[in-house]
Every structure is written in structure tokens, then in C-alpha cells.
C-alpha atoms as a PDB file:
ATOM      1  CA  MET A   1     101.463-116.114 100.317  1.00  0.00           C
ATOM      2  CA  ASN A   2     103.493-118.108 102.833  1.00  0.00           C
ATOM      3  CA  MET A   3     105.592-120.665 100.997  1.00  0.00           C
ATOM      4  CA  PRO A   4     107.118-123.750 102.631  1.00  0.00           C
ATOM      5  CA  ALA A   5     110.829-123.817 103.187  1.00  0.00           C
ATOM      6  CA  PRO A   6     112.419-125.413 100.118  1.00  0.00           C
ATOM      7  CA  THR A   7     113.442-128.661 101.776  1.00  0.00           C
ATOM      8  CA  PRO A   8     113.779-131.352  99.083  1.00  0.00           C
ATOM      9  CA  GLU A   9     112.834-134.357 101.201  1.00  0.00           C
ATOM     10  CA  THR A  10     109.617-132.803 102.553  1.00  0.00           C
ATOM     11  CA  MET A  11     108.132-130.925  99.583  1.00  0.00           C
ATOM     12  CA  THR A  12     105.387-132.499  97.455  1.00  0.00           C
ATOM     13  CA  ALA A  13     105.233-132.115  93.681  1.00  0.00           C
ATOM     14  CA  GLU A  14     102.578-129.427  93.985  1.00  0.00           C
ATOM     15  CA  GLN A  15     104.620-127.483  96.542  1.00  0.00           C
ATOM     16  CA  ARG A  16     107.599-127.557  94.216  1.00  0.00           C
ATOM     17  CA  ARG A  17     105.498-126.214  91.350  1.00  0.00           C
ATOM     18  CA  GLU A  18     104.145-123.414  93.562  1.00  0.00           C
ATOM     19  CA  THR A  19     107.643-122.557  94.710  1.00  0.00           C
ATOM     20  CA  TRP A  20     108.774-122.061  91.111  1.00  0.00           C
ATOM     21  CA  PHE A  21     105.920-119.717  90.246  1.00  0.00           C
ATOM     22  CA  HIS A  22     105.602-117.834  93.538  1.00  0.00           C
ATOM     23  CA  ARG A  23     109.164-117.703  94.794  1.00  0.00           C
ATOM     24  CA  GLU A  24     111.767-118.373  92.112  1.00  0.00           C
ATOM     25  CA  LEU A  25     110.464-115.951  89.497  1.00  0.00           C
ATOM     26  CA  ALA A  26     111.101-113.227  92.074  1.00  0.00           C
ATOM     27  CA  GLY A  27     114.588-114.468  93.011  1.00  0.00           C
ATOM     28  CA  TYR A  28     116.378-117.469  94.433  1.00  0.00           C
ATOM     29  CA  PHE A  29     118.693-117.633  97.448  1.00  0.00           C
ATOM     30  CA  SER A  30     121.077-120.487  97.999  1.00  0.00           C
ATOM     31  CA  ALA A  31     120.824-122.030 101.470  1.00  0.00           C
ATOM     32  CA  ASP A  32     124.620-121.953 101.810  1.00  0.00           C
ATOM     33  CA  ASN A  33     125.228-118.414 100.602  1.00  0.00           C
ATOM     34  CA  ILE A  34     122.555-115.750 101.042  1.00  0.00           C
ATOM     35  CA  ASP A  35     124.475-113.384  98.771  1.00  0.00           C
ATOM     36  CA  TYR A  36     124.520-115.850  95.883  1.00  0.00           C
ATOM     37  CA  ARG A  37     121.253-114.775  94.300  1.00  0.00           C
ATOM     38  CA  GLN A  38     119.780-116.091  91.076  1.00  0.00           C
ATOM     39  CA  ASN A  39     117.054-114.059  89.415  1.00  0.00           C
ATOM     40  CA  TRP A  40     114.760-116.294  87.373  1.00  0.00           C
ATOM     41  CA  ASP A  41     112.551-113.541  85.907  1.00  0.00           C
ATOM     42  CA  TYR A  42     112.971-114.307  82.211  1.00  0.00           C
ATOM     43  CA  GLY A  43     110.206-111.898  81.037  1.00  0.00           C
ATOM     44  CA  PRO A  44     112.370-108.930  79.932  1.00  0.00           C
ATOM     45  CA  GLU A  45     114.764-111.229  78.079  1.00  0.00           C
ATOM     46  CA  LEU A  46     111.917-113.049  76.285  1.00  0.00           C
ATOM     47  CA  LEU A  47     110.414-109.726  75.205  1.00  0.00           C
ATOM     48  CA  GLU A  48     113.782-108.575  73.851  1.00  0.00           C
ATOM     49  CA  LEU A  49     114.191-111.781  71.872  1.00  0.00           C
ATOM     50  CA  LEU A  50     110.825-111.134  70.249  1.00  0.00           C
ATOM     51  CA  ALA A  51     111.451-107.389  69.793  1.00  0.00           C
ATOM     52  CA  SER A  52     114.713-108.039  67.952  1.00  0.00           C
ATOM     53  CA  ARG A  53     112.836-110.210  65.439  1.00  0.00           C
ATOM     54  CA  PHE A  54     110.083-107.629  65.057  1.00  0.00           C
ATOM     55  CA  ARG A  55     112.646-104.949  64.289  1.00  0.00           C
ATOM     56  CA  VAL A  56     114.167-107.084  61.535  1.00  0.00           C
ATOM     57  CA  ILE A  57     110.719-107.683  60.025  1.00  0.00           C
ATOM     58  CA  GLU A  58     110.063-103.928  60.045  1.00  0.00           C
ATOM     59  CA  MET A  59     113.334-103.218  58.289  1.00  0.00           C
ATOM     60  CA  ILE A  60     112.661-105.781  55.592  1.00  0.00           C
ATOM     61  CA  LEU A  61     108.930-105.317  54.954  1.00  0.00           C
ATOM     62  CA  GLY A  62     108.397-101.736  56.126  1.00  0.00           C
ATOM     63  CA  ALA A  63     107.374-100.631  59.604  1.00  0.00           C
ATOM     64  CA  GLU A  64     104.080 -99.020  58.588  1.00  0.00           C
ATOM     65  CA  ASP A  65     102.945-101.994  56.514  1.00  0.00           C
ATOM     66  CA  VAL A  66     103.572-104.625  59.176  1.00  0.00           C
ATOM     67  CA  ALA A  67     102.750-102.583  62.312  1.00  0.00           C
ATOM     68  CA  PRO A  68      99.111-103.734  62.713  1.00  0.00           C
ATOM     69  CA  HIS A  69     100.032-107.351  61.998  1.00  0.00           C
ATOM     70  CA  LEU A  70     102.844-107.453  64.549  1.00  0.00           C
ATOM     71  CA  PHE A  71     100.599-105.936  67.210  1.00  0.00           C
ATOM     72  CA  ALA A  72      97.845-108.438  66.397  1.00  0.00           C
ATOM     73  CA  MET A  73     100.264-111.302  67.007  1.00  0.00           C
ATOM     74  CA  LEU A  74     100.566-110.327  70.685  1.00  0.00           C
ATOM     75  CA  HIS A  75      97.639-112.330  72.000  1.00  0.00           C
ATOM     76  CA  GLY A  76      96.887-112.302  75.710  1.00  0.00           C
ATOM     77  CA  PRO A  77      94.438-110.729  78.201  1.00  0.00           C
ATOM     78  CA  ASP A  78      96.626-107.804  79.247  1.00  0.00           C
ATOM     79  CA  VAL A  79      98.052-106.547  75.961  1.00  0.00           C
ATOM     80  CA  GLU A  80      97.691-102.753  75.929  1.00  0.00           C
ATOM     81  CA  GLY A  81      98.586 -99.959  73.507  1.00  0.00           C
ATOM     82  CA  GLU A  82      98.341 -99.516  69.771  1.00  0.00           C
ATOM     83  CA  THR A  83     101.782-100.814  68.702  1.00  0.00           C
ATOM     84  CA  TRP A  84     103.942-103.724  69.764  1.00  0.00           C
ATOM     85  CA  ARG A  85     106.437-101.282  71.287  1.00  0.00           C
ATOM     86  CA  GLU A  86     103.747 -99.753  73.480  1.00  0.00           C
ATOM     87  CA  ALA A  87     102.500-103.206  74.441  1.00  0.00           C
ATOM     88  CA  PHE A  88     105.999-104.282  75.531  1.00  0.00           C
ATOM     89  CA  GLU A  89     106.174-101.383  77.980  1.00  0.00           C
ATOM     90  CA  THR A  90     103.487-102.937  80.181  1.00  0.00           C
ATOM     91  CA  TYR A  91     103.134-106.593  79.164  1.00  0.00           C
ATOM     92  CA  ASP A  92     104.739-109.248  81.358  1.00  0.00           C
ATOM     93  CA  PRO A  93     104.777-112.705  79.740  1.00  0.00           C
ATOM     94  CA  VAL A  94     105.746-114.296  83.076  1.00  0.00           C
ATOM     95  CA  LEU A  95     102.571-113.062  84.846  1.00  0.00           C
ATOM     96  CA  THR A  96     100.336-113.842  81.872  1.00  0.00           C
ATOM     97  CA  PRO A  97     101.724-117.077  80.408  1.00  0.00           C
ATOM     98  CA  HIS A  98      99.666-117.316  77.227  1.00  0.00           C
ATOM     99  CA  TRP A  99     102.535-117.579  74.767  1.00  0.00           C
ATOM    100  CA  THR A 100     103.965-120.918  73.706  1.00  0.00           C
ATOM    101  CA  GLY A 101     107.475-119.719  74.484  1.00  0.00           C
ATOM    102  CA  THR A 102     106.465-118.624  77.999  1.00  0.00           C
ATOM    103  CA  LYS A 103     104.982-122.032  78.755  1.00  0.00           C
ATOM    104  CA  LEU A 104     108.129-123.687  77.383  1.00  0.00           C
ATOM    105  CA  ILE A 105     110.415-121.727  79.702  1.00  0.00           C
ATOM    106  CA  ASP A 106     108.107-122.298  82.684  1.00  0.00           C
ATOM    107  CA  ASN A 107     108.094-126.030  81.986  1.00  0.00           C
ATOM    108  CA  ALA A 108     111.871-125.953  81.798  1.00  0.00           C
ATOM    109  CA  GLY A 109     112.033-124.109  85.119  1.00  0.00           C
ATOM    110  CA  ILE A 110     109.871-126.438  87.190  1.00  0.00           C
ATOM    111  CA  TYR A 111     111.507-129.490  85.642  1.00  0.00           C
ATOM    112  CA  GLY A 112     115.079-128.206  85.662  1.00  0.00           C
ATOM    113  CA  LEU A 113     115.164-126.730  89.158  1.00  0.00           C
ATOM    114  CA  TYR A 114     112.632-128.889  90.951  1.00  0.00           C
ATOM    115  CA  GLY A 115     112.388-132.195  89.079  1.00  0.00           C
ATOM    116  CA  VAL A 116     108.602-132.075  88.576  1.00  0.00           C
ATOM    117  CA  LEU A 117     106.300-131.658  85.590  1.00  0.00           C
ATOM    118  CA  PRO A 118     103.146-129.562  85.032  1.00  0.00           C
ATOM    119  CA  ALA A 119     100.165-131.026  86.880  1.00  0.00           C
ATOM    120  CA  GLU A 120      98.230-131.566  83.638  1.00  0.00           C
ATOM    121  CA  VAL A 121     100.762-134.059  82.263  1.00  0.00           C
ATOM    122  CA  GLN A 122      99.290-137.547  82.719  1.00  0.00           C
ATOM    123  CA  PHE A 123     101.450-140.004  84.640  1.00  0.00           C
ATOM    124  CA  ASP A 124     101.757-142.533  81.818  1.00  0.00           C
ATOM    125  CA  ALA A 125     102.771-139.750  79.374  1.00  0.00           C
ATOM    126  CA  ARG A 126     105.539-138.252  81.484  1.00  0.00           C
ATOM    127  CA  LYS A 127     108.559-140.029  79.994  1.00  0.00           C
ATOM    128  CA  PRO A 128     107.837-139.022  76.365  1.00  0.00           C
ATOM    129  CA  TRP A 129     106.828-135.552  77.592  1.00  0.00           C
ATOM    130  CA  VAL A 130     110.222-135.054  79.266  1.00  0.00           C
ATOM    131  CA  ASP A 131     112.064-136.288  76.164  1.00  0.00           C
ATOM    132  CA  THR A 132     110.036-133.925  73.973  1.00  0.00           C
ATOM    133  CA  LEU A 133     110.718-131.008  76.333  1.00  0.00           C
ATOM    134  CA  ALA A 134     114.470-131.627  76.026  1.00  0.00           C
ATOM    135  CA  GLN A 135     114.204-131.656  72.232  1.00  0.00           C
ATOM    136  CA  GLN A 136     112.126-128.454  72.176  1.00  0.00           C
ATOM    137  CA  LEU A 137     114.534-126.643  74.502  1.00  0.00           C
ATOM    138  CA  ASP A 138     117.547-127.654  72.436  1.00  0.00           C
ATOM    139  CA  GLN A 139     115.779-126.445  69.294  1.00  0.00           C
ATOM    140  CA  PHE A 140     114.728-123.184  70.963  1.00  0.00           C
ATOM    141  CA  ARG A 141     118.298-122.541  72.055  1.00  0.00           C
ATOM    142  CA  GLN A 142     119.653-123.107  68.551  1.00  0.00           C
ATOM    143  CA  ILE A 143     117.026-120.994  66.755  1.00  0.00           C
ATOM    144  CA  ALA A 144     116.333-118.196  69.253  1.00  0.00           C
ATOM    145  CA  ASN A 145     119.984-118.004  70.361  1.00  0.00           C
ATOM    146  CA  PRO A 146     119.336-116.462  73.810  1.00  0.00           C
ATOM    147  CA  GLU A 147     122.097-114.591  75.636  1.00  0.00           C
ATOM    148  CA  PRO A 148     124.555-117.312  76.793  1.00  0.00           C
ATOM    149  CA  GLN A 149     124.838-115.795  80.279  1.00  0.00           C
ATOM    150  CA  GLY A 150     121.194-114.771  80.443  1.00  0.00           C
ATOM    151  CA  VAL A 151     118.286-116.139  82.479  1.00  0.00           C
ATOM    152  CA  ILE A 152     116.687-118.130  79.653  1.00  0.00           C
ATOM    153  CA  ALA A 153     119.929-119.923  78.786  1.00  0.00           C
ATOM    154  CA  ARG A 154     120.462-120.716  82.472  1.00  0.00           C
ATOM    155  CA  ILE A 155     116.988-122.235  82.783  1.00  0.00           C
ATOM    156  CA  ILE A 156     117.410-124.258  79.592  1.00  0.00           C
ATOM    157  CA  ASN A 157     120.793-125.536  80.731  1.00  0.00           C
ATOM    158  CA  LEU A 158     119.309-126.649  84.051  1.00  0.00           C
ATOM    159  CA  ALA A 159     116.548-128.606  82.330  1.00  0.00           C
ATOM    160  CA  LEU A 160     118.876-130.239  79.804  1.00  0.00           C
ATOM    161  CA  SER A 161     121.369-131.090  82.543  1.00  0.00           C
ATOM    162  CA  ARG A 162     118.648-132.694  84.640  1.00  0.00           C
ATOM    163  CA  HIS A 163     117.442-134.640  81.613  1.00  0.00           C
ATOM    164  CA  ALA A 164     120.992-135.926  81.141  1.00  0.00           C
ATOM    165  CA  MET A 165     121.074-137.118  84.767  1.00  0.00           C
ATOM    166  CA  ASP A 166     117.592-138.613  84.596  1.00  0.00           C
ATOM    167  CA  THR A 167     118.545-140.619  81.516  1.00  0.00           C
ATOM    168  CA  GLY A 168     122.111-141.323  82.602  1.00  0.00           C
ATOM    169  CA  ALA A 169     123.537-140.086  79.309  1.00  0.00           C
ATOM    170  CA  GLY A 170     125.340-136.873  78.405  1.00  0.00           C
ATOM    171  CA  GLU A 171     126.966-134.127  80.435  1.00  0.00           C
ATOM    172  CA  VAL A 172     126.096-131.437  82.954  1.00  0.00           C
ATOM    173  CA  ASP A 173     127.480-127.910  82.685  1.00  0.00           C
ATOM    174  CA  LEU A 174     129.336-126.531  85.698  1.00  0.00           C
ATOM    175  CA  GLN A 175     126.974-123.611  86.347  1.00  0.00           C
ATOM    176  CA  SER A 176     123.964-125.943  86.453  1.00  0.00           C
ATOM    177  CA  LEU A 177     125.766-128.349  88.768  1.00  0.00           C
ATOM    178  CA  ALA A 178     126.602-125.466  91.115  1.00  0.00           C
ATOM    179  CA  LEU A 179     122.956-124.327  91.148  1.00  0.00           C
ATOM    180  CA  PHE A 180     121.733-127.872  91.750  1.00  0.00           C
ATOM    181  CA  GLY A 181     124.130-128.296  94.668  1.00  0.00           C
ATOM    182  CA  GLY A 182     123.675-124.868  96.250  1.00  0.00           C
ATOM    183  CA  VAL A 183     127.342-123.866  95.882  1.00  0.00           C
ATOM    184  CA  THR A 184     129.265-121.410  93.737  1.00  0.00           C
ATOM    185  CA  GLU A 185     130.724-122.374  90.388  1.00  0.00           C
ATOM    186  CA  GLY A 186     134.148-121.609  91.836  1.00  0.00           C
ATOM    187  CA  ARG A 187     133.590-124.299  94.448  1.00  0.00           C
ATOM    188  CA  ILE A 188     132.797-126.821  91.695  1.00  0.00           C
ATOM    189  CA  ARG A 189     136.051-125.945  89.932  1.00  0.00           C
ATOM    190  CA  ASN A 190     137.952-126.406  93.192  1.00  0.00           C
ATOM    191  CA  ILE A 191     136.406-129.860  93.636  1.00  0.00           C
ATOM    192  CA  LEU A 192     137.398-130.777  90.085  1.00  0.00           C
ATOM    193  CA  SER A 193     140.932-129.556  90.700  1.00  0.00           C
ATOM    194  CA  SER A 194     141.279-131.569  93.899  1.00  0.00           C
ATOM    195  CA  GLY A 195     139.812-134.714  92.362  1.00  0.00           C
ATOM    196  CA  ASP A 196     138.170-135.581  95.700  1.00  0.00           C
ATOM    197  CA  GLY A 197     134.500-135.216  94.776  1.00  0.00           C
ATOM    198  CA  GLY A 198     134.247-138.078  92.274  1.00  0.00           C
ATOM    199  CA  LEU A 199     133.247-135.747  89.436  1.00  0.00           C
ATOM    200  CA  GLU A 200     134.357-136.868  85.955  1.00  0.00           C
ATOM    201  CA  LYS A 201     135.223-133.896  83.756  1.00  0.00           C
ATOM    202  CA  VAL A 202     134.544-133.820  80.021  1.00  0.00           C
ATOM    203  CA  GLY A 203     135.861-130.567  78.592  1.00  0.00           C
ATOM    204  CA  GLN A 204     134.124-127.799  80.535  1.00  0.00           C
ATOM    205  CA  ARG A 205     131.385-130.128  81.747  1.00  0.00           C
ATOM    206  CA  VAL A 206     131.050-133.258  83.884  1.00  0.00           C
ATOM    207  CA  THR A 207     129.441-136.592  83.094  1.00  0.00           C
ATOM    208  CA  ALA A 208     125.788-136.879  84.056  1.00  0.00           C
ATOM    209  CA  VAL A 209     126.414-140.061  86.016  1.00  0.00           C
ATOM    210  CA  SER A 210     129.131-138.544  88.210  1.00  0.00           C
ATOM    211  CA  ALA A 211     127.071-135.385  88.694  1.00  0.00           C
ATOM    212  CA  ALA A 212     124.091-137.409  89.916  1.00  0.00           C
ATOM    213  CA  LEU A 213     126.247-139.340  92.376  1.00  0.00           C
ATOM    214  CA  TRP A 214     127.812-136.131  93.719  1.00  0.00           C
ATOM    215  CA  LEU A 215     124.432-134.474  94.175  1.00  0.00           C
ATOM    216  CA  LYS A 216     123.223-137.335  96.361  1.00  0.00           C
ATOM    217  CA  GLY A 217     125.399-135.843  99.071  1.00  0.00           C
ATOM    218  CA  ARG A 218     123.871-132.354  98.752  1.00  0.00           C
ATOM    219  CA  LYS A 219     120.874-131.581 100.958  1.00  0.00           C
ATOM    220  CA  GLU A 220     120.011-128.607  98.708  1.00  0.00           C
ATOM    221  CA  PHE A 221     119.391-130.737  95.618  1.00  0.00           C
ATOM    222  CA  PHE A 222     115.825-131.436  94.552  1.00  0.00           C
ATOM    223  CA  ALA A 223     116.024-134.964  93.159  1.00  0.00           C
ATOM    224  CA  SER A 224     113.605-135.724  90.319  1.00  0.00           C
ATOM    225  CA  ILE A 225     110.249-137.025  91.552  1.00  0.00           C
ATOM    226  CA  TRP A 226     108.276-136.802  88.301  1.00  0.00           C
ATOM    227  CA  GLN A 227     108.714-140.584  87.913  1.00  0.00           C
ATOM    228  CA  GLN A 228     106.360-141.166  90.870  1.00  0.00           C
ATOM    229  CA  PRO A 229     102.665-140.210  91.260  1.00  0.00           C
ATOM    230  CA  ASP A 230     102.028-136.732  92.631  1.00  0.00           C
ATOM    231  CA  GLU A 231     100.018-138.137  95.523  1.00  0.00           C
ATOM    232  CA  ALA A 232     102.974-140.205  96.753  1.00  0.00           C
ATOM    233  CA  ALA A 233     104.249-138.901 100.075  1.00  0.00           C
ATOM    234  CA  PRO A 234     107.792-137.491 100.085  1.00  0.00           C
ATOM    235  CA  GLU A 235     110.319-140.034 101.330  1.00  0.00           C
ATOM    236  CA  ALA A 236     112.208-139.174 104.496  1.00  0.00           C
ATOM    237  CA  PRO A 237     115.993-139.282 104.108  1.00  0.00           C
ATOM    238  CA  ASN A 238     117.678-142.522 105.160  1.00  0.00           C
ATOM    239  CA  PRO A 239     119.418-141.882 108.503  1.00  0.00           C
ATOM    240  CA  ASP A 240     121.970-144.654 107.889  1.00  0.00           C
ATOM    241  CA  PHE A 241     125.357-143.964 106.330  1.00  0.00           C
ATOM    242  CA  SER A 242     126.229-145.778 103.102  1.00  0.00           C
ATOM    243  CA  ASP A 243     129.708-144.344 102.450  1.00  0.00           C
ATOM    244  CA  GLU A 244     132.931-144.017 104.467  1.00  0.00           C
ATOM    245  CA  VAL A 245     132.292-141.939 107.607  1.00  0.00           C
ATOM    246  CA  VAL A 246     134.630-139.150 108.709  1.00  0.00           C
ATOM    247  CA  PHE A 247     134.669-137.306 112.055  1.00  0.00           C
ATOM    248  CA  VAL A 248     135.040-133.523 111.767  1.00  0.00           C
ATOM    249  CA  PRO A 249     135.173-130.887 114.532  1.00  0.00           C
ATOM    250  CA  VAL A 250     132.139-128.660 115.070  1.00  0.00           C
ATOM    251  CA  ALA A 251     132.376-125.045 116.342  1.00  0.00           C
ATOM    252  CA  ALA A 252     130.026-123.417 118.854  1.00  0.00           C
ATOM    253  CA  ASP A 253     127.973-121.835 116.059  1.00  0.00           C
ATOM    254  CA  GLY A 254     127.263-125.264 114.523  1.00  0.00           C
ATOM    255  CA  SER A 255     129.660-124.891 111.584  1.00  0.00           C
ATOM    256  CA  HIS A 256     132.150-127.671 110.971  1.00  0.00           C
ATOM    257  CA  PHE A 257     135.517-128.117 109.305  1.00  0.00           C
ATOM    258  CA  HIS A 258     135.246-129.053 105.603  1.00  0.00           C
ATOM    259  CA  PRO A 259     137.222-128.956 102.317  1.00  0.00           C
ATOM    260  CA  GLY A 260     135.716-125.610 101.266  1.00  0.00           C
ATOM    261  CA  LEU A 261     137.747-123.794 103.927  1.00  0.00           C
ATOM    262  CA  ALA A 262     140.999-123.766 101.997  1.00  0.00           C
ATOM    263  CA  ARG A 263     142.400-120.270 101.553  1.00  0.00           C
ATOM    264  CA  GLY A 264     144.987-119.857  98.866  1.00  0.00           C
ATOM    265  CA  GLY A 265     145.058-123.627  98.575  1.00  0.00           C
ATOM    266  CA  LYS A 266     145.954-124.144 102.252  1.00  0.00           C
ATOM    267  CA  PHE A 267     144.162-124.858 105.535  1.00  0.00           C
ATOM    268  CA  MET A 268     145.212-122.863 108.631  1.00  0.00           C
ATOM    269  CA  ILE A 269     145.147-124.972 111.783  1.00  0.00           C
ATOM    270  CA  GLY A 270     145.977-124.074 115.377  1.00  0.00           C
ATOM    271  CA  ALA A 271     145.645-121.303 117.962  1.00  0.00           C
ATOM    272  CA  LYS A 272     146.549-117.709 117.176  1.00  0.00           C
ATOM    273  CA  GLY A 273     150.288-117.345 116.891  1.00  0.00           C
ATOM    274  CA  GLU A 274     150.697-121.106 116.611  1.00  0.00           C
ATOM    275  CA  GLU A 275     148.988-121.744 113.295  1.00  0.00           C
ATOM    276  CA  VAL A 276     150.332-124.269 110.834  1.00  0.00           C
ATOM    277  CA  SER A 277     149.311-124.400 107.181  1.00  0.00           C
ATOM    278  CA  TYR A 278     148.443-127.711 105.527  1.00  0.00           C
ATOM    279  CA  PRO A 279     148.227-128.232 101.746  1.00  0.00           C
ATOM    280  CA  SER A 280     145.500-130.912 101.862  1.00  0.00           C
ATOM    281  CA  PHE A 281     142.234-131.406 103.722  1.00  0.00           C
ATOM    282  CA  ASN A 282     143.197-134.859 104.994  1.00  0.00           C
ATOM    283  CA  GLU A 283     146.433-133.584 106.526  1.00  0.00           C
ATOM    284  CA  ALA A 284     144.628-130.672 108.162  1.00  0.00           C
ATOM    285  CA  LEU A 285     141.867-132.938 109.532  1.00  0.00           C
ATOM    286  CA  SER A 286     144.457-135.341 110.912  1.00  0.00           C
ATOM    287  CA  ALA A 287     146.128-132.468 112.750  1.00  0.00           C
ATOM    288  CA  LEU A 288     142.802-131.304 114.187  1.00  0.00           C
ATOM    289  CA  GLN A 289     141.969-134.801 115.425  1.00  0.00           C
ATOM    290  CA  LYS A 290     145.201-134.895 117.425  1.00  0.00           C
ATOM    291  CA  MET A 291     144.591-131.555 119.171  1.00  0.00           C
ATOM    292  CA  ALA A 292     143.026-131.344 122.660  1.00  0.00           C
ATOM    293  CA  THR A 293     141.017-128.355 121.400  1.00  0.00           C
ATOM    294  CA  PRO A 294     140.872-128.270 117.602  1.00  0.00           C
ATOM    295  CA  ARG A 295     141.151-124.784 116.118  1.00  0.00           C
ATOM    296  CA  TRP A 296     140.923-123.664 112.499  1.00  0.00           C
ATOM    297  CA  ARG A 297     140.346-120.568 110.419  1.00  0.00           C
ATOM    298  CA  ARG A 298     137.131-120.017 108.509  1.00  0.00           C
ATOM    299  CA  PRO A 299     135.214-116.996 107.144  1.00  0.00           C
ATOM    300  CA  ASN A 300     132.306-115.523 109.117  1.00  0.00           C
ATOM    301  CA  GLU A 301     129.091-114.166 107.565  1.00  0.00           C
ATOM    302  CA  ALA A 302     130.903-110.943 106.660  1.00  0.00           C
ATOM    303  CA  GLY A 303     133.636-112.886 104.861  1.00  0.00           C
ATOM    304  CA  ASN A 304     136.292-112.159 107.484  1.00  0.00           C
ATOM    305  CA  TRP A 305     138.576-115.068 108.355  1.00  0.00           C
ATOM    306  CA  GLY A 306     138.926-115.864 112.045  1.00  0.00           C
ATOM    307  CA  ILE A 307     139.871-118.751 114.295  1.00  0.00           C
ATOM    308  CA  VAL A 308     137.151-120.937 115.797  1.00  0.00           C
ATOM    309  CA  SER A 309     137.429-123.717 118.364  1.00  0.00           C
ATOM    310  CA  GLY A 310     135.854-127.149 118.123  1.00  0.00           C
ATOM    311  CA  ARG A 311     133.245-127.934 120.758  1.00  0.00           C
ATOM    312  CA  ASP A 312     132.080-131.297 119.456  1.00  0.00           C
ATOM    313  CA  TRP A 313     132.625-133.861 116.708  1.00  0.00           C
ATOM    314  CA  LYS A 314     130.264-134.790 113.877  1.00  0.00           C
ATOM    315  CA  ARG A 315     130.018-137.909 111.725  1.00  0.00           C
ATOM    316  CA  ILE A 316     129.600-137.216 108.047  1.00  0.00           C
ATOM    317  CA  GLU A 317     130.001-139.290 104.883  1.00  0.00           C
ATOM    318  CA  ARG A 318     133.239-138.591 103.059  1.00  0.00           C
ATOM    319  CA  ARG A 319     131.385-138.261  99.745  1.00  0.00           C
ATOM    320  CA  GLN A 320     129.167-135.527 101.176  1.00  0.00           C
ATOM    321  CA  LEU A 321     132.095-133.907 102.964  1.00  0.00           C
ATOM    322  CA  MET A 322     134.193-133.676  99.817  1.00  0.00           C
ATOM    323  CA  SER A 323     131.320-131.930  98.003  1.00  0.00           C
ATOM    324  CA  MET A 324     131.398-128.964 100.395  1.00  0.00           C
END
């Protein structure tokens, strides 16, 4: 199935839902870093959560006595075998979403990553549905206690972080913010350290309000659209600038100079053999703007740092620039 490119401003609610089920459950690639892959297949982890509970029940009540009852609990069209262990060898809850827990995680995925709700949720019932989803996910996390670094926890965190931004209350965890913005978590920590991105830190998280403002400058972010009817056409991005505009040099390959190019906390500016290091982005940019041919170091696709020359200049909002 040919899926549309995941461009936030052009995808309808239905296309976002299809992308979650047909693309993301097989793996997600960030637009900025093809090697930064997120696997959203939560099936094996969900089965292990259930299997661990079944094993406890067997130990307490006796494996032989409860075996037929545990197997009978596994409802679904593709359950095979004679025991729950045999069934788990072939059953995939992601492909056959008949369990309440599977539907819960799917709902969290399409809402958390794409800002849409299941098609069957009526428009006038969406707000209470979203609030209920957040409560159910928080309860699931507390009771089921999924692996903190696992897929299920990541999906739940995304949904709860989006809910915090949609309501304007609470915090967003750093991993979710990185996934929303299409950058690495390390980049988020660098932004927090520099204090240039406008993010307000609260412990190991950031405020939902500051996260929402920062994400407005990220083209990779799928802003929530569940508040509008599904048939509403996607809004084209506003071509006008609303924040302070900065001119940055652009290389022949289309890449431009930005705050993410610091190496060891410094920016290397100048031709080979004449390079000068600058401790801040503003100082480095100022030096580039004074050069007849601006030159700076940046990593190529293989991660090797080399010098590139500016061929043009690009206008970009400072808020968006500082989020890179």
C-alpha cells in the first residue's frame, strides 16, 4: 500500500490514522535522521505483560487447574494451539486488535503521535473521550507497570504529553518532545542547556506550554487536529513570519548553518587552515555574515565533519532556528 509522505500540513485525519496502522507499527524514521528509528510494534511486549501474569496465576492456583481457563480467556479470530503458551507463539495482538488493551494502545498511538482520534468517536464526544483516554493510560501504566524504556511506555508517554499540551497543563517528558520534534533527545538537552529554545524545564521534563510553543517551529510535528471535523481540509502553513527573522548561509546541498552544528560546544568557522572556533551560535553567525564566502564545518550523511561553503542566504525565524 502506497502511503502519503507524512507531511503534517497536508495529511487529513484519515491519512494520519492509516499512517499509524500501516507505517508506524512497522517502524518510524525521523525526517531529520534516517538512522534514528523508532519501532512501534508493541505486540511482543503486550504478550509478555500478559504472560507474566498468567505465570503468577499458575504458580498460585496450579498450572493444570487453570490451564483451560487461561486459554479460554484469549478471545480472538486467530488464536491457535491448546495452551496459552502455544497461542502466544503465533498470535499477534497488533494485527488482530480484539483485546481491550490492544485498542487502548492503538488509541494512544494515533492520538499521541498524530493528534487524531478513532473515526468512530463522535465529534461532540471527543473532549471527554480524550480526557478519559488520558486517565485510562495513566491507570494502565500504574497497574501494568510496562518496561520504562519499552514501546508501550513510549506510546503512553507520547499520548499523555500531547494531552498536557492540548490542555495547557502539566509537563512533557524529554523523549516525547524529541519524538514530536523529529530530533534526538540529546539535541533537546543541548537546547535546554543553551537556554535559547524557550523551553521551561521542570525536573527532567518541560512545561507543556513551552513545549507547544517550541514545536510550532518544527515542520515534523503533527499538531492536534482532533478538535476540528474530519472533513475539514488541512490548513496550509502561513507563509508570513511572526517571530524575529535571522539570515543564515545555505550550502550547495541545501543545508544551512544552525545551532545544532556545535561540536564539543564550539562552532568551527572559516576556510581550511584558517578556522576559528566560536563558543556561541550568535558569535559564529556574525562571523559568517562578515565573510565574502561563508564557510563552516558540519557532518555529512556518514557523520564525517567537513567544511562547506555558503552559496546563498536563507531567512528563518529565530524561534525555529534555535530549535534545530
